C-alpha atoms as a PDB file:
ATOM      1  CA  MET A   1      -0.673  14.165 -22.018  1.00  0.00           C
ATOM      2  CA  LYS A   2      -4.316  14.681 -20.985  1.00  0.00           C
ATOM      3  CA  VAL A   3      -6.295  15.109 -17.767  1.00  0.00           C
ATOM      4  CA  LYS A   4      -9.725  13.931 -16.669  1.00  0.00           C
ATOM      5  CA  VAL A   5     -11.392  15.497 -13.606  1.00  0.00           C
ATOM      6  CA  PHE A   6     -14.117  13.843 -11.532  1.00  0.00           C
ATOM      7  CA  ASP A   7     -16.265  15.559  -8.878  1.00  0.00           C
ATOM      8  CA  GLU A   8     -18.816  13.637  -6.808  1.00  0.00           C
ATOM      9  CA  GLU A   9     -20.810  14.104  -3.608  1.00  0.00           C
ATOM     10  CA  CYS A  10     -19.861  10.743  -2.057  1.00  0.00           C
ATOM     11  CA  GLU A  11     -16.834   8.457  -2.104  1.00  0.00           C
ATOM     12  CA  ARG A  12     -18.667   5.514  -3.667  1.00  0.00           C
ATOM     13  CA  ASP A  13     -19.802   7.607  -6.660  1.00  0.00           C
ATOM     14  CA  LEU A  14     -16.223   8.809  -7.164  1.00  0.00           C
ATOM     15  CA  GLU A  15     -14.942   5.231  -7.079  1.00  0.00           C
ATOM     16  CA  VAL A  16     -17.480   4.173  -9.702  1.00  0.00           C
ATOM     17  CA  SER A  17     -16.662   7.116 -11.988  1.00  0.00           C
ATOM     18  CA  VAL A  18     -12.893   6.611 -11.741  1.00  0.00           C
ATOM     19  CA  ASN A  19     -13.111   2.838 -12.193  1.00  0.00           C
ATOM     20  CA  ASN A  20     -15.349   3.243 -15.254  1.00  0.00           C
ATOM     21  CA  PHE A  21     -12.798   5.621 -16.780  1.00  0.00           C
ATOM     22  CA  LEU A  22      -9.896   3.280 -15.979  1.00  0.00           C
ATOM     23  CA  ASN A  23     -11.703   0.459 -17.800  1.00  0.00           C
ATOM     24  CA  ASN A  24     -10.816   2.319 -21.034  1.00  0.00           C
ATOM     25  CA  ASN A  25      -7.232   0.985 -20.736  1.00  0.00           C
ATOM     26  CA  VAL A  26      -5.627   4.424 -20.516  1.00  0.00           C
ATOM     27  CA  ASP A  27      -1.942   4.831 -19.646  1.00  0.00           C
ATOM     28  CA  VAL A  28      -2.229   6.498 -16.207  1.00  0.00           C
ATOM     29  CA  LEU A  29       0.659   8.708 -15.153  1.00  0.00           C
ATOM     30  CA  ASP A  30      -0.763   9.988 -11.841  1.00  0.00           C
ATOM     31  CA  ILE A  31      -3.972  10.325  -9.833  1.00  0.00           C
ATOM     32  CA  LYS A  32      -4.607  13.269  -7.510  1.00  0.00           C
ATOM     33  CA  TYR A  33      -7.352  12.944  -4.877  1.00  0.00           C
ATOM     34  CA  GLN A  34      -8.984  15.654  -2.758  1.00  0.00           C
ATOM     35  CA  VAL A  35     -11.812  16.040  -0.259  1.00  0.00           C
ATOM     36  CA  ALA A  36     -13.418  19.388   0.558  1.00  0.00           C
ATOM     37  CA  ILE A  37     -15.867  19.987   3.392  1.00  0.00           C
ATOM     38  CA  ALA A  38     -18.089  23.036   3.818  1.00  0.00           C
ATOM     39  CA  ILE A  39     -20.593  23.963   6.496  1.00  0.00           C
ATOM     40  CA  ASN A  40     -23.894  25.523   5.442  1.00  0.00           C
ATOM     41  CA  GLY A  41     -25.930  26.216   8.582  1.00  0.00           C
ATOM     42  CA  GLU A  42     -26.389  22.813  10.218  1.00  0.00           C
ATOM     43  CA  GLU A  43     -25.495  20.909   7.029  1.00  0.00           C
ATOM     44  CA  GLN A  44     -22.070  19.526   6.106  1.00  0.00           C
ATOM     45  CA  ILE A  45     -21.351  19.431   2.380  1.00  0.00           C
ATOM     46  CA  TYR A  46     -18.665  17.075   1.050  1.00  0.00           C
ATOM     47  CA  CYS A  47     -16.980  17.195  -2.329  1.00  0.00           C
ATOM     48  CA  PHE A  48     -14.820  14.242  -3.387  1.00  0.00           C
ATOM     49  CA  SER A  49     -12.689  14.853  -6.458  1.00  0.00           C
ATOM     50  CA  ALA A  50      -9.951  13.180  -8.438  1.00  0.00           C
ATOM     51  CA  MET A  51      -7.805  14.219 -11.358  1.00  0.00           C
ATOM     52  CA  ILE A  52      -6.267  11.553 -13.559  1.00  0.00           C
ATOM     53  CA  ILE A  53      -3.228  12.491 -15.655  1.00  0.00           C
ATOM     54  CA  TYR A  54      -2.849  10.062 -18.557  1.00  0.00           C
ATOM     55  CA  HIS A  55      -1.613   9.501 -22.094  1.00  0.00           C
END
């Protein structure tokens, strides 16, 4: 069993990264998805991440 972790600043970039990885015909066991939001002064910072567990 192996894992691959992706971390992007926007949802679309995460989709592209995950889809590119899945094009390798891996045997996916599970996908975990998470969004984190932080406030820095007046700025909102988003972090979109996914972990793919595969064989």
